[in-house]
Amino acid sequence: MKNIIYIGLALAIFYTITSCEKYLEVEPDMRAQINTVEKVAKLLGSAYPGYGNLAMAETYSDNVNDKGPTSGAPLLDPYVDLYYWNDVEGSGANTPTQYWNGCYAAIAAANQALKSIEEYNFGSEANPYKGEALVARAYSHFMLVTFFAKAYVIDGDNSSPGIPYVLEPETITLKQYSRGTVEGVYEQIQRDLEEGIPLLKGGKWEVPKYHFTYAAANAFATRFYLFRGNWDKVIEHANEVFPGGDYTSQIRPENTTIRGLTSAERQIEFTKADKNYNLLLGQIRSVYQRQGTGYYSRYGIGLIKYNELFGRSTAAGAAFAWNGSSYASSTHYWPRKYNEYFFYTNVAAGTGEAYIMIPLITSDEALVNRAEAYIRKNNFPNALADLNFFASTRILNYNINSHRVTAAKSKVYFDVEDDADALIKTVLQFKQIAFLSEGIRWLDILRHRIPVAHPHIDNLENETFQTLGPDDSRRVFQIPSEALLAGIERNPR
């Protein structure tokens, strides 16, 4: 595992140094001399995954469709294997192995920061950075256990294998690790959150949106506790994101300000650090913006999926605004949420690395997470208040009389008889559309055990379907083969 986790820290630091934005200046040999609070703070710029899960989460989900054999690049890796739910070999761009390595590199940086804080006894001055390291460690482990282990079962059996929860920097070569259990991983994540979040209060960062601040950490906690099934905690943490739990003017203005921008401007707007709705931004090495959300991949957002999500009314009584673009006679749809930056390592040769900024945690997600928790507690008035506010930022020419979300309307829309069931379905519909291409839908598919159907179109334009059921072993991404060196068993197939 040394080549996966420990060396990953050096890579994380390298990428921070050479990033096109250069958000933090980090010395290459800082691991050997992290002896000041300032150096700890800079090291924590590497405590976030340098790679993304968007290709994994989106292509596995029901946010994409087969555009046909003449569309896009039919053999573009890794999208073909991801769309067919095949195990992806190798560690190239947008692969599960790359994301695994990126998360453990981030964990290594967080653990080194925690070790230095303890070793040098920095005192209360380091508390916000200790809190950040704990929450960042919890975040990467949570994302790993979500993708590479069975989904957590609320009030159920969670004794299935988890992922290694690494609590200290590596000091030996090829250290052996145990996966433990999903329950054990969740318990440790919760311990890190409970210890870390209070320490973040009053913390100051040069660029706060690239760090787990108090607001971002609480918003992440709403995601975690939804999986955990602790509805009171979801509400509690959602209320801590903004003073008084008030999300007014804190949500993406999709149907107003963003709607009025040009397509190119929208790509930047979604990931600006000065936007209240962006609580945590991540800089990742990825070409997903051009491959997964544009016209390159055959397996992406096509006309069928666009019509399903944006071409019809929602449970509110109107469609959500589409702020993307389309190409090739509406064959390819591009949500326009990311802007690629290219950092040249050799200008003369024209070589380098592509980066995108992505919103890892948003206030929009925290709000709808709170709405779901209210529904689970049968607090429908508060849930409806959140859902209606969310809809008011998404529906063009929103009118409270015409577009009000109610349990009665949702029951008719989804053809169900139970108020809570109808409103949960409304939450899931709103989230799928609002967070298209952001990886959130896959999390809901896992939590709610939603089957996923992928259409396949042959050369004669015949359409067949393949379904990934709730208990299909392929819903769990395969542990990278390199991890076998550390004694980590792979997932069954």
Protein backbone atom coordinates (compact mmCIF):
# COMPACT_ATOMS: atom_id res chain seq x y z
CA MET A 1 0.00 0.00 0.00
CA LYS A 2 3.03 2.27 0.28
CA ASN A 3 2.88 3.08 -3.40
CA ILE A 4 -0.84 3.83 -3.06
CA ILE A 5 -1.07 5.87 0.12
CA TYR A 6 2.31 7.17 1.26
CA ILE A 7 3.75 8.11 -2.13
CA GLY A 8 0.35 9.61 -2.85
CA LEU A 9 1.16 12.37 -0.35
CA ALA A 10 4.21 13.41 -2.36
CA LEU A 11 2.09 13.46 -5.51
CA ALA A 12 -0.58 15.53 -3.81
CA ILE A 13 1.99 18.08 -2.74
CA PHE A 14 3.49 18.12 -6.25
CA TYR A 15 0.14 18.79 -7.87
CA THR A 16 -0.53 21.60 -5.44
CA ILE A 17 2.78 23.21 -6.36
CA THR A 18 2.31 22.89 -10.11
CA SER A 19 -1.41 23.62 -10.35
CA CYS A 20 -2.46 26.18 -12.91
CA GLU A 21 -4.08 28.31 -10.22
CA LYS A 22 -1.32 27.91 -7.61
CA TYR A 23 -3.75 28.45 -4.76
CA LEU A 24 -1.15 27.52 -2.16
CA GLU A 25 2.63 27.59 -2.28
CA VAL A 26 3.95 24.30 -0.88
CA GLU A 27 7.60 23.33 -0.58
CA PRO A 28 8.36 19.88 -2.07
CA ASP A 29 10.10 18.64 1.09
CA MET A 30 7.58 19.99 3.59
CA ARG A 31 6.88 16.54 5.04
CA ALA A 32 10.29 16.59 6.70
CA GLN A 33 9.87 20.03 8.24
CA ILE A 34 6.23 20.71 9.04
CA ASN A 35 7.17 22.47 12.25
CA THR A 36 4.98 25.59 12.19
CA VAL A 37 1.26 26.23 12.11
CA GLU A 38 1.70 28.05 8.79
CA LYS A 39 3.25 24.96 7.21
CA VAL A 40 0.48 22.77 8.55
CA ALA A 41 -2.06 25.14 7.00
CA LYS A 42 -0.32 24.95 3.63
CA LEU A 43 0.01 21.18 3.77
CA LEU A 44 -3.74 20.90 4.22
CA GLY A 45 -4.16 22.28 0.72
CA SER A 46 -3.21 18.72 -0.29
CA ALA A 47 -5.75 17.04 2.00
CA TYR A 48 -8.40 16.91 -0.75
CA PRO A 49 -8.57 14.37 -3.59
CA GLY A 50 -6.66 15.57 -6.62
CA TYR A 51 -8.81 13.45 -8.90
CA GLY A 52 -12.55 13.25 -9.33
CA ASN A 53 -15.34 10.67 -9.30
CA LEU A 54 -17.62 12.39 -11.80
CA ALA A 55 -17.06 9.95 -14.66
CA MET A 56 -17.64 7.04 -12.29
CA ALA A 57 -20.75 8.39 -10.59
CA GLU A 58 -22.44 9.92 -13.62
CA THR A 59 -21.78 7.13 -16.13
CA TYR A 60 -22.87 4.44 -13.67
CA SER A 61 -26.10 6.31 -12.93
CA ASP A 62 -29.33 6.96 -14.82
CA ASN A 63 -28.16 10.46 -15.78
CA VAL A 64 -26.81 9.23 -19.11
CA ASN A 65 -27.96 7.27 -22.15
CA ASP A 66 -26.54 5.60 -25.23
CA LYS A 67 -26.61 8.24 -27.99
CA GLY A 68 -26.15 5.63 -30.69
CA PRO A 69 -23.27 3.98 -32.57
CA THR A 70 -22.59 7.02 -34.75
CA SER A 71 -22.43 9.48 -31.87
CA GLY A 72 -19.33 10.64 -30.11
CA ALA A 73 -16.27 8.47 -29.67
CA PRO A 74 -17.67 4.94 -29.20
CA LEU A 75 -14.51 3.45 -27.68
CA LEU A 76 -13.59 6.33 -25.37
CA ASP A 77 -12.12 4.97 -22.12
CA PRO A 78 -13.24 4.50 -19.41
CA TYR A 79 -16.81 5.44 -20.35
CA VAL A 80 -17.62 2.25 -22.22
CA ASP A 81 -16.74 0.01 -19.26
CA LEU A 82 -18.41 2.37 -16.82
CA TYR A 83 -21.62 2.45 -18.85
CA TYR A 84 -21.67 -1.36 -18.99
CA TRP A 85 -20.80 -1.53 -15.27
CA ASN A 86 -17.64 -3.48 -16.05
CA ASP A 87 -14.59 -3.35 -13.80
CA VAL A 88 -12.19 -0.75 -15.18
CA GLU A 89 -8.58 -1.83 -15.54
CA GLY A 90 -5.67 0.52 -15.14
CA SER A 91 -5.23 3.82 -13.34
CA GLY A 92 -5.72 6.28 -16.17
CA ALA A 93 -7.85 9.40 -16.28
CA ASN A 94 -11.28 9.19 -14.63
CA THR A 95 -10.80 5.60 -13.47
CA PRO A 96 -11.80 4.19 -10.08
CA THR A 97 -8.16 3.36 -9.32
CA GLN A 98 -7.14 6.96 -9.96
CA TYR A 99 -9.82 8.19 -7.57
CA TRP A 100 -8.83 5.61 -4.93
CA ASN A 101 -5.23 6.81 -5.13
CA GLY A 102 -6.29 10.45 -4.99
CA CYS A 103 -8.35 9.92 -1.86
CA TYR A 104 -5.60 8.08 -0.03
CA ALA A 105 -3.07 10.73 -1.03
CA ALA A 106 -5.39 13.30 0.53
CA ILE A 107 -5.74 11.16 3.66
CA ALA A 108 -1.97 10.92 3.93
CA ALA A 109 -1.69 14.72 3.90
CA ALA A 110 -4.37 15.05 6.57
CA ASN A 111 -2.67 12.47 8.77
CA GLN A 112 0.71 14.16 8.40
CA ALA A 113 -0.86 17.46 9.45
CA LEU A 114 -2.44 15.83 12.51
CA LYS A 115 0.85 14.19 13.44
CA SER A 116 2.73 17.48 13.20
CA ILE A 117 0.11 19.29 15.30
CA GLU A 118 0.50 16.65 17.99
CA GLU A 119 4.29 16.39 17.73
CA TYR A 120 4.97 20.14 17.99
CA ASN A 121 2.16 20.89 20.45
CA PHE A 122 1.06 24.05 18.64
CA GLY A 123 -1.81 24.67 21.06
CA SER A 124 -5.11 26.37 20.31
CA GLU A 125 -3.68 28.31 17.37
CA ALA A 126 -3.74 25.08 15.37
CA ASN A 127 -7.28 24.06 16.34
CA PRO A 128 -8.94 25.12 13.06
CA TYR A 129 -6.33 23.19 11.08
CA LYS A 130 -6.71 20.15 13.28
CA GLY A 131 -10.44 20.38 12.66
CA GLU A 132 -9.88 20.71 8.93
CA ALA A 133 -7.57 17.70 8.86
CA LEU A 134 -10.07 15.55 10.76
CA VAL A 135 -13.00 16.53 8.54
CA ALA A 136 -10.95 16.19 5.35
CA ARG A 137 -9.86 12.72 6.47
CA ALA A 138 -13.49 11.83 7.17
CA TYR A 139 -14.56 13.12 3.75
CA SER A 140 -12.09 11.05 1.74
CA HIS A 141 -12.84 7.91 3.73
CA PHE A 142 -16.57 8.51 3.30
CA MET A 143 -16.24 8.81 -0.46
CA LEU A 144 -14.07 5.69 -0.57
CA VAL A 145 -16.48 3.57 1.47
CA THR A 146 -19.37 4.87 -0.64
CA PHE A 147 -17.81 3.80 -3.94
CA PHE A 148 -15.76 0.76 -2.95
CA ALA A 149 -17.93 -0.97 -0.33
CA LYS A 150 -21.57 -1.95 0.02
CA ALA A 151 -23.97 0.88 0.76
CA TYR A 152 -24.75 1.52 4.40
CA VAL A 153 -28.03 -0.05 5.52
CA ILE A 154 -29.95 2.06 8.03
CA ASP A 155 -30.77 -0.11 11.07
CA GLY A 156 -29.43 -3.10 9.14
CA ASP A 157 -26.41 -5.36 8.84
CA ASN A 158 -23.29 -3.36 7.99
CA SER A 159 -20.73 -6.06 8.72
CA SER A 160 -19.65 -6.33 5.08
CA PRO A 161 -16.05 -5.28 4.26
CA GLY A 162 -15.38 -1.57 4.34
CA ILE A 163 -12.16 0.18 3.26
CA PRO A 164 -8.95 0.72 5.24
CA TYR A 165 -9.39 3.67 7.61
CA VAL A 166 -5.89 5.11 7.84
CA LEU A 167 -5.24 7.10 11.01
CA GLU A 168 -1.52 7.82 10.82
CA PRO A 169 1.20 8.46 8.23
CA GLU A 170 2.93 5.38 6.86
CA THR A 171 6.42 4.69 8.14
CA ILE A 172 7.05 1.20 6.73
CA THR A 173 7.08 -0.23 3.26
CA LEU A 174 4.07 -2.30 2.14
CA LYS A 175 2.20 -2.03 5.39
CA GLN A 176 -0.67 -4.50 5.60
CA TYR A 177 -4.20 -3.18 6.01
CA SER A 178 -7.58 -4.56 6.95
CA ARG A 179 -10.79 -3.36 5.33
CA GLY A 180 -12.69 -3.68 8.59
CA THR A 181 -16.45 -3.34 8.20
CA VAL A 182 -18.73 -0.70 6.72
CA GLU A 183 -20.09 -0.09 10.23
CA GLY A 184 -16.57 0.42 11.58
CA VAL A 185 -15.73 2.91 8.86
CA TYR A 186 -18.91 4.87 9.53
CA GLU A 187 -18.19 4.96 13.26
CA GLN A 188 -14.72 6.37 12.64
CA ILE A 189 -16.03 8.94 10.18
CA GLN A 190 -18.52 10.07 12.79
CA ARG A 191 -15.77 10.32 15.43
CA ASP A 192 -13.66 12.48 13.12
CA LEU A 193 -16.63 14.73 12.33
CA GLU A 194 -17.69 15.10 15.96
CA GLU A 195 -14.17 16.03 17.00
CA GLY A 196 -13.30 18.12 13.97
CA ILE A 197 -16.32 20.31 13.27
CA PRO A 198 -16.34 22.25 16.59
CA LEU A 199 -12.65 23.11 16.11
CA LEU A 200 -13.43 24.90 12.84
CA LYS A 201 -15.41 27.70 14.44
CA GLY A 202 -13.61 30.99 14.00
CA GLY A 203 -11.01 29.51 11.67
CA LYS A 204 -9.49 31.71 8.96
CA TRP A 205 -8.11 30.60 5.61
CA GLU A 206 -6.50 32.58 2.81
CA VAL A 207 -9.02 31.14 0.33
CA PRO A 208 -11.77 29.60 2.50
CA LYS A 209 -13.67 27.88 -0.33
CA TYR A 210 -10.75 25.49 -0.91
CA HIS A 211 -10.92 24.23 2.67
CA PHE A 212 -13.35 22.62 5.07
CA THR A 213 -14.65 25.66 6.87
CA TYR A 214 -17.30 25.39 9.57
CA ALA A 215 -20.07 25.89 6.99
CA ALA A 216 -18.65 23.37 4.50
CA ALA A 217 -18.06 20.76 7.20
CA ASN A 218 -21.63 21.03 8.45
CA ALA A 219 -22.96 20.73 4.91
CA PHE A 220 -20.88 17.58 4.37
CA ALA A 221 -22.23 16.22 7.64
CA THR A 222 -25.76 16.44 6.22
CA ARG A 223 -24.70 14.06 3.45
CA PHE A 224 -23.08 11.66 5.88
CA TYR A 225 -26.01 11.57 8.30
CA LEU A 226 -28.48 10.98 5.47
CA PHE A 227 -26.59 7.76 4.77
CA ARG A 228 -26.47 7.06 8.49
CA GLY A 229 -30.23 7.64 8.86
CA ASN A 230 -29.85 10.16 11.68
CA TRP A 231 -32.45 12.72 10.58
CA ASP A 232 -32.04 14.96 13.62
CA LYS A 233 -28.33 15.31 12.88
CA VAL A 234 -29.04 16.17 9.24
CA ILE A 235 -31.32 19.01 10.34
CA GLU A 236 -28.96 20.14 13.08
CA HIS A 237 -25.98 20.38 10.75
CA ALA A 238 -27.98 21.95 7.91
CA ASN A 239 -29.06 24.68 10.32
CA GLU A 240 -25.41 25.38 11.18
CA VAL A 241 -24.38 26.04 7.58
CA PHE A 242 -25.85 29.55 7.69
CA PRO A 243 -26.92 31.62 10.72
CA GLY A 244 -30.39 30.66 11.82
CA GLY A 245 -30.57 27.96 9.18
CA ASP A 246 -31.62 30.62 6.65
CA TYR A 247 -30.74 29.70 3.05
CA THR A 248 -32.25 32.84 1.50
CA SER A 249 -29.87 34.18 -1.19
CA GLN A 250 -27.53 31.26 -0.52
CA ILE A 251 -28.74 28.98 -3.34
CA ARG A 252 -27.71 28.97 -6.99
CA PRO A 253 -29.81 31.55 -8.87
CA GLU A 254 -30.36 29.20 -11.81
CA ASN A 255 -33.47 30.87 -13.20
CA THR A 256 -32.23 34.45 -12.84
CA THR A 257 -28.57 35.47 -12.67
CA ILE A 258 -27.09 32.27 -14.12
CA ARG A 259 -29.78 32.11 -16.77
CA GLY A 260 -28.75 35.54 -18.05
CA LEU A 261 -25.10 34.64 -18.59
CA THR A 262 -23.49 33.40 -21.78
CA SER A 263 -22.63 29.71 -22.01
CA ALA A 264 -18.95 30.43 -21.48
CA GLU A 265 -19.71 32.60 -18.45
CA ARG A 266 -21.88 29.89 -16.88
CA GLN A 267 -18.98 27.45 -16.94
CA ILE A 268 -17.04 29.79 -14.70
CA GLU A 269 -19.96 30.98 -12.57
CA PHE A 270 -20.75 27.54 -11.17
CA THR A 271 -17.33 27.22 -9.56
CA LYS A 272 -16.48 30.74 -8.44
CA ALA A 273 -15.05 30.99 -4.96
CA ASP A 274 -17.00 34.16 -4.15
CA LYS A 275 -20.41 32.48 -4.47
CA ASN A 276 -22.27 31.71 -1.26
CA TYR A 277 -23.63 28.48 -2.67
CA ASN A 278 -20.13 27.06 -3.19
CA LEU A 279 -19.03 25.84 0.22
CA LEU A 280 -16.10 23.64 -0.84
CA LEU A 281 -14.39 23.67 -4.22
CA GLY A 282 -11.96 21.04 -5.42
CA GLN A 283 -9.30 21.37 -8.08
CA ILE A 284 -8.92 18.05 -9.90
CA ARG A 285 -6.84 16.81 -12.78
CA SER A 286 -9.47 15.72 -15.26
CA VAL A 287 -10.70 15.96 -18.84
CA TYR A 288 -14.24 15.09 -17.74
CA GLN A 289 -15.52 18.50 -18.79
CA ARG A 290 -14.70 17.80 -22.44
CA GLN A 291 -15.25 14.03 -22.45
CA GLY A 292 -18.11 13.22 -20.13
CA THR A 293 -20.33 16.27 -20.41
CA GLY A 294 -19.76 17.32 -24.00
CA TYR A 295 -19.91 15.58 -27.35
CA TYR A 296 -16.94 13.22 -27.16
CA SER A 297 -18.54 10.32 -25.34
CA ARG A 298 -21.24 8.15 -26.86
CA TYR A 299 -22.50 7.51 -23.34
CA GLY A 300 -23.60 10.82 -21.92
CA ILE A 301 -26.56 13.20 -21.87
CA GLY A 302 -28.47 12.71 -25.11
CA LEU A 303 -31.87 13.79 -26.32
CA ILE A 304 -33.65 10.96 -24.47
CA LYS A 305 -32.18 11.94 -21.11
CA TYR A 306 -32.60 15.65 -21.75
CA ASN A 307 -36.30 15.23 -22.48
CA GLU A 308 -36.74 13.02 -19.43
CA LEU A 309 -35.17 15.54 -17.08
CA PHE A 310 -35.79 18.96 -18.63
CA GLY A 311 -38.40 18.40 -21.30
CA ARG A 312 -41.32 17.84 -18.95
CA SER A 313 -42.83 19.22 -15.79
CA THR A 314 -41.55 18.32 -12.35
CA ALA A 315 -43.74 17.57 -9.36
CA ALA A 316 -43.87 21.35 -8.85
CA GLY A 317 -45.90 21.74 -12.03
CA ALA A 318 -43.18 23.09 -14.33
CA ALA A 319 -39.80 22.07 -15.72
CA PHE A 320 -36.52 23.18 -14.20
CA ALA A 321 -34.47 25.62 -16.26
CA TRP A 322 -31.85 24.14 -18.60
CA ASN A 323 -28.77 26.33 -18.66
CA GLY A 324 -26.55 24.18 -20.84
CA SER A 325 -25.90 23.77 -24.54
CA SER A 326 -26.62 21.20 -27.23
CA TYR A 327 -24.70 20.10 -30.30
CA ALA A 328 -25.16 18.15 -33.52
CA SER A 329 -28.92 18.55 -33.94
CA SER A 330 -29.56 18.04 -30.23
CA THR A 331 -27.67 14.75 -30.06
CA HIS A 332 -25.29 15.93 -27.35
CA TYR A 333 -26.19 17.98 -24.27
CA TRP A 334 -23.63 19.83 -22.18
CA PRO A 335 -24.66 21.15 -18.72
CA ARG A 336 -21.95 23.82 -18.82
CA LYS A 337 -20.95 23.53 -15.17
CA TYR A 338 -17.18 23.21 -15.47
CA ASN A 339 -14.44 25.21 -17.09
CA GLU A 340 -11.22 23.46 -18.04
CA TYR A 341 -7.88 25.04 -17.28
CA PHE A 342 -4.80 23.70 -19.01
CA PHE A 343 -1.45 23.96 -17.27
CA TYR A 344 1.48 23.60 -19.64
CA THR A 345 4.42 21.62 -18.34
CA ASN A 346 6.21 22.09 -21.67
CA VAL A 347 4.94 25.05 -23.67
CA ALA A 348 7.10 24.30 -26.71
CA ALA A 349 5.82 20.73 -26.92
CA GLY A 350 2.27 21.76 -26.08
CA THR A 351 2.03 19.21 -23.27
CA GLY A 352 0.60 19.57 -19.82
CA GLU A 353 -2.33 18.71 -17.56
CA ALA A 354 -6.01 19.60 -17.74
CA TYR A 355 -7.76 20.75 -14.55
CA ILE A 356 -11.29 21.60 -13.64
CA MET A 357 -12.72 23.16 -10.54
CA ILE A 358 -15.68 21.24 -9.14
CA PRO A 359 -18.12 22.02 -6.32
CA LEU A 360 -17.53 19.25 -3.78
CA ILE A 361 -20.03 20.63 -1.26
CA THR A 362 -22.81 23.15 -1.93
CA SER A 363 -25.49 24.85 0.10
CA ASP A 364 -28.04 23.61 -2.45
CA GLU A 365 -27.34 20.02 -1.43
CA ALA A 366 -27.51 20.84 2.27
CA LEU A 367 -30.94 22.46 1.80
CA VAL A 368 -32.53 19.50 0.00
CA ASN A 369 -30.87 17.11 2.45
CA ARG A 370 -32.64 19.00 5.21
CA ALA A 371 -35.91 18.72 3.30
CA GLU A 372 -35.55 14.94 3.13
CA ALA A 373 -34.76 14.75 6.84
CA TYR A 374 -37.87 16.81 7.64
CA ILE A 375 -39.96 14.40 5.56
CA ARG A 376 -38.50 11.43 7.40
CA LYS A 377 -39.62 13.05 10.64
CA ASN A 378 -43.09 13.79 9.21
CA ASN A 379 -42.44 17.51 9.49
CA PHE A 380 -44.07 18.25 6.15
CA PRO A 381 -44.52 22.03 6.58
CA ASN A 382 -40.77 22.60 6.97
CA ALA A 383 -39.96 20.13 4.21
CA LEU A 384 -42.34 21.87 1.83
CA ALA A 385 -40.88 25.26 2.73
CA ASP A 386 -37.43 24.02 1.71
CA LEU A 387 -38.69 22.32 -1.45
CA ASN A 388 -40.66 25.36 -2.54
CA PHE A 389 -37.72 27.68 -1.97
CA PHE A 390 -35.51 25.32 -3.97
CA ALA A 391 -38.06 25.17 -6.81
CA SER A 392 -38.30 28.97 -6.82
CA THR A 393 -34.63 29.14 -7.87
CA ARG A 394 -35.01 26.56 -10.65
CA ILE A 395 -38.31 27.16 -12.46
CA LEU A 396 -38.50 29.91 -15.07
CA ASN A 397 -41.04 32.60 -14.25
CA TYR A 398 -41.73 30.88 -10.96
CA ASN A 399 -45.20 31.56 -9.59
CA ILE A 400 -46.03 30.38 -6.09
CA ASN A 401 -49.67 29.81 -6.99
CA SER A 402 -48.95 27.70 -10.06
CA HIS A 403 -45.73 26.03 -8.98
CA ARG A 404 -46.23 25.38 -5.28
CA VAL A 405 -45.04 21.94 -4.19
CA THR A 406 -47.65 20.08 -2.14
CA ALA A 407 -48.02 16.52 -0.96
CA ALA A 408 -51.28 16.25 -2.90
CA LYS A 409 -49.66 17.33 -6.20
CA SER A 410 -46.72 15.00 -5.64
CA LYS A 411 -49.00 12.03 -4.94
CA VAL A 412 -50.80 12.60 -8.22
CA TYR A 413 -47.58 13.19 -10.13
CA PHE A 414 -45.89 10.00 -8.91
CA ASP A 415 -49.11 7.98 -8.59
CA VAL A 416 -48.52 7.02 -4.97
CA GLU A 417 -50.82 7.20 -1.95
CA ASP A 418 -48.47 8.08 0.90
CA ASP A 419 -47.53 11.71 1.58
CA ALA A 420 -44.00 10.93 2.74
CA ASP A 421 -43.33 8.61 -0.20
CA ALA A 422 -44.51 11.25 -2.66
CA LEU A 423 -42.39 13.99 -1.11
CA ILE A 424 -39.27 11.81 -0.95
CA LYS A 425 -39.73 11.14 -4.66
CA THR A 426 -40.01 14.87 -5.18
CA VAL A 427 -36.72 15.44 -3.36
CA LEU A 428 -35.01 12.80 -5.48
CA GLN A 429 -36.41 14.26 -8.70
CA PHE A 430 -35.30 17.77 -7.80
CA LYS A 431 -31.82 16.55 -6.88
CA GLN A 432 -31.34 14.48 -10.02
CA ILE A 433 -32.12 17.45 -12.24
CA ALA A 434 -30.44 20.16 -10.20
CA PHE A 435 -27.17 18.28 -9.67
CA LEU A 436 -26.86 16.75 -13.13
CA SER A 437 -23.18 15.95 -13.90
CA GLU A 438 -22.12 16.56 -10.26
CA GLY A 439 -22.11 12.95 -8.99
CA ILE A 440 -24.94 13.41 -6.48
CA ARG A 441 -27.47 11.16 -8.21
CA TRP A 442 -25.31 8.06 -7.70
CA LEU A 443 -25.29 8.68 -3.95
CA ASP A 444 -29.10 8.76 -3.93
CA ILE A 445 -29.27 5.62 -6.07
CA LEU A 446 -27.20 3.83 -3.44
CA ARG A 447 -29.11 5.20 -0.44
CA HIS A 448 -32.54 4.47 -1.89
CA ARG A 449 -31.60 1.22 -3.66
CA ILE A 450 -32.84 2.56 -6.99
CA PRO A 451 -32.42 0.23 -10.00
CA VAL A 452 -30.59 1.76 -12.97
CA ALA A 453 -31.54 0.92 -16.56
CA HIS A 454 -29.10 1.70 -19.37
CA PRO A 455 -30.34 1.59 -22.97
CA HIS A 456 -28.12 0.10 -25.66
CA ILE A 457 -28.56 0.93 -29.33
CA ASP A 458 -27.10 -1.39 -31.98
CA ASN A 459 -26.08 -0.60 -35.55
CA LEU A 460 -29.64 -1.19 -36.75
CA GLU A 461 -30.97 1.34 -34.21
CA ASN A 462 -32.57 -1.43 -32.14
CA GLU A 463 -32.76 -0.58 -28.46
CA THR A 464 -32.28 -3.02 -25.59
CA PHE A 465 -31.84 -2.41 -21.88
CA GLN A 466 -29.49 -3.61 -19.18
CA THR A 467 -30.45 -3.13 -15.54
CA LEU A 468 -28.28 -2.75 -12.45
CA GLY A 469 -30.47 -3.97 -9.60
CA PRO A 470 -30.27 -2.99 -5.91
CA ASP A 471 -28.34 -6.14 -4.95
CA ASP A 472 -26.07 -6.37 -7.99
CA SER A 473 -22.45 -6.76 -6.87
CA ARG A 474 -21.36 -4.38 -9.63
CA ARG A 475 -22.87 -1.44 -7.74
CA VAL A 476 -19.69 -1.65 -5.65
CA PHE A 477 -16.61 -0.50 -7.56
CA GLN A 478 -13.75 -2.96 -7.61
CA ILE A 479 -10.82 -2.48 -5.22
CA PRO A 480 -7.69 -1.62 -7.28
CA SER A 481 -5.48 -4.63 -8.01
CA GLU A 482 -2.47 -2.80 -6.51
CA ALA A 483 -4.15 -2.91 -3.11
CA LEU A 484 -3.65 -6.68 -3.04
CA LEU A 485 -0.02 -5.96 -2.12
CA ALA A 486 -1.30 -4.52 1.15
CA GLY A 487 -3.46 -7.55 1.91
CA ILE A 488 -6.73 -5.85 0.94
CA GLU A 489 -9.22 -8.34 -0.46
CA ARG A 490 -11.17 -7.39 -3.55
CA ASN A 491 -14.93 -7.17 -3.88
CA PRO A 492 -16.82 -10.27 -5.04
CA ARG A 493 -17.96 -10.54 -8.62
